[in-house]
Amino acid sequence: MENKKKDNQVNIELSEEVASGVYSNLAIITHSPSEFVADFVQLMPGAPKGKVRSRIIMTPQNAKRLMKAMQDNIAKYEQTFGGIIDVESPSVPPVNFGIPTTQA
């Protein structure tokens, strides 16, 4: 049984550069039949434009796993710290990065 546990382990390396993370206050998500693209943007008040700080591309299956993991973690967070208030954000104009929303 102990060997079976070890066989399922995956080592993940986290570099110092990636470990520091990036700040994002806007996510723009698009998709095609074969992938989801999530652009994490930093949009500062009064600035004329935002900047994409990170782009994540994943399969539809992994996008759905991420969604479920986020739902689970938000539920656990709210059980511990209380409900998250969903405030209306200021109107953000539509953004187009030249990525088709329904084609690969």
N, C-alpha and C. Protein backbone atom coordinates (compact mmCIF):
# COMPACT_ATOMS: atom_id res chain seq x y z
N MET A 1 0.84 -1.20 0.00
CA MET A 1 0.00 0.00 0.00
C MET A 1 0.87 1.25 0.00
N GLU A 2 1.97 1.25 0.77
CA GLU A 2 2.87 2.39 0.84
C GLU A 2 3.51 2.66 -0.52
N ASN A 3 3.89 1.61 -1.26
CA ASN A 3 4.49 1.79 -2.58
C ASN A 3 3.48 2.40 -3.56
N LYS A 4 2.23 2.03 -3.44
CA LYS A 4 1.19 2.55 -4.32
C LYS A 4 1.05 4.07 -4.14
N LYS A 5 1.13 4.56 -2.90
CA LYS A 5 1.07 5.98 -2.63
C LYS A 5 2.23 6.70 -3.29
N LYS A 6 3.44 6.13 -3.17
CA LYS A 6 4.62 6.76 -3.74
C LYS A 6 4.55 6.80 -5.26
N ASP A 7 3.97 5.79 -5.89
CA ASP A 7 3.84 5.77 -7.34
C ASP A 7 2.96 6.90 -7.86
N ASN A 8 2.00 7.34 -7.06
CA ASN A 8 1.07 8.39 -7.49
C ASN A 8 1.56 9.79 -7.18
N GLN A 9 2.72 9.93 -6.53
CA GLN A 9 3.23 11.25 -6.17
C GLN A 9 3.86 11.93 -7.38
N VAL A 10 3.70 13.23 -7.43
CA VAL A 10 4.31 14.04 -8.47
C VAL A 10 5.10 15.14 -7.79
N ASN A 11 6.34 15.30 -8.19
CA ASN A 11 7.14 16.39 -7.67
C ASN A 11 6.92 17.62 -8.54
N ILE A 12 6.65 18.74 -7.90
CA ILE A 12 6.41 19.99 -8.61
C ILE A 12 7.43 21.01 -8.14
N GLU A 13 8.12 21.61 -9.11
CA GLU A 13 9.11 22.62 -8.80
C GLU A 13 8.48 24.00 -8.90
N LEU A 14 8.76 24.85 -7.93
CA LEU A 14 8.25 26.22 -7.92
C LEU A 14 9.44 27.15 -7.80
N SER A 15 9.77 27.82 -8.91
CA SER A 15 10.92 28.73 -8.90
C SER A 15 10.59 29.97 -8.06
N GLU A 16 11.63 30.66 -7.62
CA GLU A 16 11.43 31.87 -6.82
C GLU A 16 10.67 32.93 -7.62
N GLU A 17 10.96 33.03 -8.90
CA GLU A 17 10.30 34.03 -9.75
C GLU A 17 8.80 33.78 -9.82
N VAL A 18 8.40 32.53 -10.01
CA VAL A 18 6.98 32.19 -10.11
C VAL A 18 6.33 32.24 -8.73
N ALA A 19 7.05 31.87 -7.69
CA ALA A 19 6.50 31.84 -6.33
C ALA A 19 6.06 33.21 -5.86
N SER A 20 6.67 34.27 -6.37
CA SER A 20 6.28 35.61 -5.93
C SER A 20 4.92 36.02 -6.50
N GLY A 21 4.46 35.34 -7.55
CA GLY A 21 3.13 35.59 -8.10
C GLY A 21 3.03 36.91 -8.85
N VAL A 22 1.85 37.15 -9.40
CA VAL A 22 1.55 38.41 -10.07
C VAL A 22 0.17 38.87 -9.59
N TYR A 23 -0.02 40.18 -9.52
CA TYR A 23 -1.29 40.73 -9.09
C TYR A 23 -2.20 40.89 -10.29
N SER A 24 -3.44 40.48 -10.14
CA SER A 24 -4.43 40.64 -11.20
C SER A 24 -5.76 41.03 -10.57
N ASN A 25 -6.43 42.00 -11.17
CA ASN A 25 -7.76 42.37 -10.69
C ASN A 25 -8.81 42.27 -11.79
N LEU A 26 -8.45 41.57 -12.86
CA LEU A 26 -9.39 41.33 -13.95
C LEU A 26 -8.96 40.06 -14.68
N ALA A 27 -9.90 39.18 -14.95
CA ALA A 27 -9.60 37.98 -15.74
C ALA A 27 -10.52 38.00 -16.96
N ILE A 28 -9.93 37.75 -18.11
CA ILE A 28 -10.70 37.67 -19.35
C ILE A 28 -10.54 36.25 -19.87
N ILE A 29 -11.65 35.55 -20.02
CA ILE A 29 -11.60 34.14 -20.40
C ILE A 29 -12.30 33.96 -21.74
N THR A 30 -11.60 33.33 -22.68
CA THR A 30 -12.15 33.01 -23.98
C THR A 30 -11.94 31.53 -24.22
N HIS A 31 -12.58 31.01 -25.25
CA HIS A 31 -12.43 29.58 -25.52
C HIS A 31 -12.62 29.28 -27.00
N SER A 32 -12.10 28.13 -27.39
CA SER A 32 -12.31 27.55 -28.71
C SER A 32 -12.80 26.13 -28.46
N PRO A 33 -13.07 25.36 -29.47
CA PRO A 33 -13.49 23.98 -29.22
C PRO A 33 -12.43 23.15 -28.49
N SER A 34 -11.16 23.55 -28.58
CA SER A 34 -10.10 22.71 -28.02
C SER A 34 -9.36 23.30 -26.83
N GLU A 35 -9.60 24.58 -26.50
CA GLU A 35 -8.85 25.16 -25.39
C GLU A 35 -9.57 26.34 -24.76
N PHE A 36 -9.22 26.60 -23.51
CA PHE A 36 -9.65 27.80 -22.80
C PHE A 36 -8.41 28.66 -22.60
N VAL A 37 -8.59 29.97 -22.76
CA VAL A 37 -7.49 30.92 -22.56
C VAL A 37 -7.94 31.89 -21.47
N ALA A 38 -7.16 31.98 -20.41
CA ALA A 38 -7.45 32.92 -19.32
C ALA A 38 -6.32 33.93 -19.27
N ASP A 39 -6.66 35.20 -19.53
CA ASP A 39 -5.71 36.29 -19.42
C ASP A 39 -5.96 37.00 -18.10
N PHE A 40 -4.93 37.10 -17.28
CA PHE A 40 -5.02 37.77 -16.00
C PHE A 40 -4.39 39.15 -16.16
N VAL A 41 -5.23 40.17 -15.94
CA VAL A 41 -4.88 41.55 -16.26
C VAL A 41 -4.75 42.37 -14.98
N GLN A 42 -3.82 43.33 -15.02
CA GLN A 42 -3.71 44.32 -13.96
C GLN A 42 -4.22 45.62 -14.55
N LEU A 43 -5.34 46.10 -14.03
CA LEU A 43 -5.98 47.32 -14.50
C LEU A 43 -6.02 48.30 -13.34
N MET A 44 -5.24 49.34 -13.42
CA MET A 44 -5.15 50.29 -12.32
C MET A 44 -6.10 51.45 -12.52
N PRO A 45 -6.71 51.96 -11.44
CA PRO A 45 -7.66 53.07 -11.54
C PRO A 45 -7.01 54.28 -12.22
N GLY A 46 -7.72 54.85 -13.18
CA GLY A 46 -7.24 56.04 -13.86
C GLY A 46 -6.24 55.77 -14.98
N ALA A 47 -5.75 54.56 -15.08
CA ALA A 47 -4.79 54.24 -16.14
C ALA A 47 -5.54 54.04 -17.45
N PRO A 48 -4.96 54.48 -18.56
CA PRO A 48 -5.67 54.38 -19.84
C PRO A 48 -5.79 52.95 -20.37
N LYS A 49 -4.93 52.06 -19.90
CA LYS A 49 -5.02 50.67 -20.36
C LYS A 49 -4.48 49.73 -19.30
N GLY A 50 -4.93 48.48 -19.39
CA GLY A 50 -4.45 47.44 -18.49
C GLY A 50 -3.35 46.65 -19.17
N LYS A 51 -2.70 45.79 -18.40
CA LYS A 51 -1.62 44.98 -18.93
C LYS A 51 -1.85 43.52 -18.55
N VAL A 52 -1.78 42.63 -19.54
CA VAL A 52 -1.89 41.21 -19.25
C VAL A 52 -0.63 40.80 -18.52
N ARG A 53 -0.80 40.27 -17.31
CA ARG A 53 0.34 39.85 -16.49
C ARG A 53 0.63 38.36 -16.63
N SER A 54 -0.40 37.60 -17.02
CA SER A 54 -0.20 36.16 -17.18
C SER A 54 -1.29 35.61 -18.09
N ARG A 55 -0.93 34.63 -18.90
CA ARG A 55 -1.90 33.95 -19.76
C ARG A 55 -1.78 32.45 -19.50
N ILE A 56 -2.92 31.82 -19.23
CA ILE A 56 -2.97 30.39 -18.99
C ILE A 56 -3.83 29.76 -20.08
N ILE A 57 -3.32 28.75 -20.74
CA ILE A 57 -4.05 28.04 -21.78
C ILE A 57 -4.23 26.60 -21.31
N MET A 58 -5.47 26.10 -21.36
CA MET A 58 -5.71 24.73 -20.88
C MET A 58 -6.81 24.07 -21.69
N THR A 59 -6.86 22.75 -21.56
CA THR A 59 -7.90 21.98 -22.23
C THR A 59 -9.24 22.24 -21.56
N PRO A 60 -10.35 21.98 -22.27
CA PRO A 60 -11.66 22.14 -21.62
C PRO A 60 -11.79 21.28 -20.36
N GLN A 61 -11.24 20.08 -20.38
CA GLN A 61 -11.32 19.20 -19.21
C GLN A 61 -10.59 19.81 -18.01
N ASN A 62 -9.39 20.36 -18.25
CA ASN A 62 -8.67 20.97 -17.14
C ASN A 62 -9.31 22.27 -16.69
N ALA A 63 -9.94 23.00 -17.61
CA ALA A 63 -10.67 24.22 -17.23
C ALA A 63 -11.82 23.86 -16.29
N LYS A 64 -12.52 22.77 -16.59
CA LYS A 64 -13.62 22.36 -15.73
C LYS A 64 -13.10 21.90 -14.37
N ARG A 65 -11.97 21.21 -14.34
CA ARG A 65 -11.36 20.82 -13.05
C ARG A 65 -10.97 22.05 -12.24
N LEU A 66 -10.43 23.06 -12.92
CA LEU A 66 -10.07 24.30 -12.24
C LEU A 66 -11.31 24.97 -11.65
N MET A 67 -12.39 25.01 -12.43
CA MET A 67 -13.63 25.62 -11.95
C MET A 67 -14.12 24.90 -10.69
N LYS A 68 -14.11 23.58 -10.70
CA LYS A 68 -14.56 22.82 -9.53
C LYS A 68 -13.65 23.05 -8.33
N ALA A 69 -12.34 23.12 -8.57
CA ALA A 69 -11.39 23.37 -7.48
C ALA A 69 -11.60 24.76 -6.90
N MET A 70 -11.87 25.75 -7.76
CA MET A 70 -12.14 27.11 -7.28
C MET A 70 -13.43 27.15 -6.46
N GLN A 71 -14.49 26.48 -6.94
CA GLN A 71 -15.75 26.44 -6.19
C GLN A 71 -15.53 25.81 -4.82
N ASP A 72 -14.78 24.72 -4.76
CA ASP A 72 -14.50 24.03 -3.50
C ASP A 72 -13.71 24.94 -2.56
N ASN A 73 -12.69 25.60 -3.08
CA ASN A 73 -11.86 26.46 -2.24
C ASN A 73 -12.62 27.69 -1.77
N ILE A 74 -13.47 28.26 -2.61
CA ILE A 74 -14.27 29.41 -2.19
C ILE A 74 -15.24 29.00 -1.08
N ALA A 75 -15.86 27.83 -1.23
CA ALA A 75 -16.77 27.34 -0.18
C ALA A 75 -16.02 27.17 1.14
N LYS A 76 -14.83 26.59 1.11
CA LYS A 76 -14.02 26.41 2.32
C LYS A 76 -13.61 27.76 2.91
N TYR A 77 -13.23 28.69 2.05
CA TYR A 77 -12.86 30.03 2.50
C TYR A 77 -14.03 30.68 3.24
N GLU A 78 -15.23 30.62 2.61
CA GLU A 78 -16.40 31.26 3.21
C GLU A 78 -16.82 30.58 4.51
N GLN A 79 -16.60 29.28 4.64
CA GLN A 79 -16.89 28.59 5.90
C GLN A 79 -15.98 29.11 7.00
N THR A 80 -14.75 29.43 6.65
CA THR A 80 -13.78 29.88 7.64
C THR A 80 -13.89 31.37 7.92
N PHE A 81 -14.01 32.17 6.88
CA PHE A 81 -13.91 33.62 7.03
C PHE A 81 -15.21 34.37 6.80
N GLY A 82 -16.25 33.69 6.39
CA GLY A 82 -17.52 34.36 6.10
C GLY A 82 -17.68 34.60 4.61
N GLY A 83 -18.89 34.98 4.25
CA GLY A 83 -19.22 35.16 2.84
C GLY A 83 -18.41 36.25 2.16
N ILE A 84 -18.12 36.02 0.91
CA ILE A 84 -17.44 37.01 0.08
C ILE A 84 -18.52 37.86 -0.57
N ILE A 85 -18.44 39.16 -0.36
CA ILE A 85 -19.42 40.06 -0.95
C ILE A 85 -19.01 40.33 -2.39
N ASP A 86 -19.93 40.05 -3.30
CA ASP A 86 -19.67 40.25 -4.73
C ASP A 86 -20.12 41.65 -5.10
N VAL A 87 -19.17 42.59 -5.12
CA VAL A 87 -19.51 43.98 -5.44
C VAL A 87 -19.44 44.19 -6.94
N GLU A 88 -20.27 45.08 -7.42
CA GLU A 88 -20.24 45.43 -8.84
C GLU A 88 -18.95 46.18 -9.13
N SER A 89 -18.22 45.72 -10.14
CA SER A 89 -17.02 46.45 -10.52
C SER A 89 -17.40 47.53 -11.51
N PRO A 90 -16.55 48.56 -11.61
CA PRO A 90 -16.86 49.62 -12.58
C PRO A 90 -16.95 49.03 -13.98
N SER A 91 -17.73 49.67 -14.81
CA SER A 91 -17.90 49.19 -16.17
C SER A 91 -16.56 49.15 -16.90
N VAL A 92 -16.24 47.99 -17.44
CA VAL A 92 -15.01 47.82 -18.19
C VAL A 92 -15.41 47.59 -19.64
N PRO A 93 -14.85 48.38 -20.55
CA PRO A 93 -15.23 48.20 -21.94
C PRO A 93 -14.82 46.82 -22.45
N PRO A 94 -15.51 46.30 -23.47
CA PRO A 94 -15.14 45.01 -24.02
C PRO A 94 -13.69 45.02 -24.49
N VAL A 95 -13.01 43.94 -24.25
CA VAL A 95 -11.60 43.84 -24.62
C VAL A 95 -11.46 42.78 -25.68
N ASN A 96 -10.68 43.06 -26.69
CA ASN A 96 -10.45 42.10 -27.76
C ASN A 96 -8.95 41.99 -28.00
N PHE A 97 -8.41 40.82 -27.75
CA PHE A 97 -6.99 40.58 -27.97
C PHE A 97 -6.75 39.94 -29.34
N GLY A 98 -7.76 39.95 -30.20
CA GLY A 98 -7.62 39.31 -31.48
C GLY A 98 -7.76 37.80 -31.40
N ILE A 99 -8.34 37.31 -30.29
CA ILE A 99 -8.50 35.88 -30.11
C ILE A 99 -9.93 35.52 -30.48
N PRO A 100 -10.12 34.60 -31.41
CA PRO A 100 -11.49 34.19 -31.70
C PRO A 100 -12.11 33.55 -30.47
N THR A 101 -13.37 33.84 -30.21
CA THR A 101 -14.01 33.31 -29.02
C THR A 101 -14.63 31.93 -29.25
N THR A 102 -14.76 31.52 -30.49
CA THR A 102 -15.40 30.23 -30.73
C THR A 102 -14.68 29.35 -31.73
N GLN A 103 -13.49 29.75 -32.17
CA GLN A 103 -12.74 28.94 -33.12
C GLN A 103 -11.31 28.79 -32.68
N ALA A 104 -10.68 27.69 -33.07
CA ALA A 104 -9.26 27.47 -32.76
C ALA A 104 -8.39 28.12 -33.82
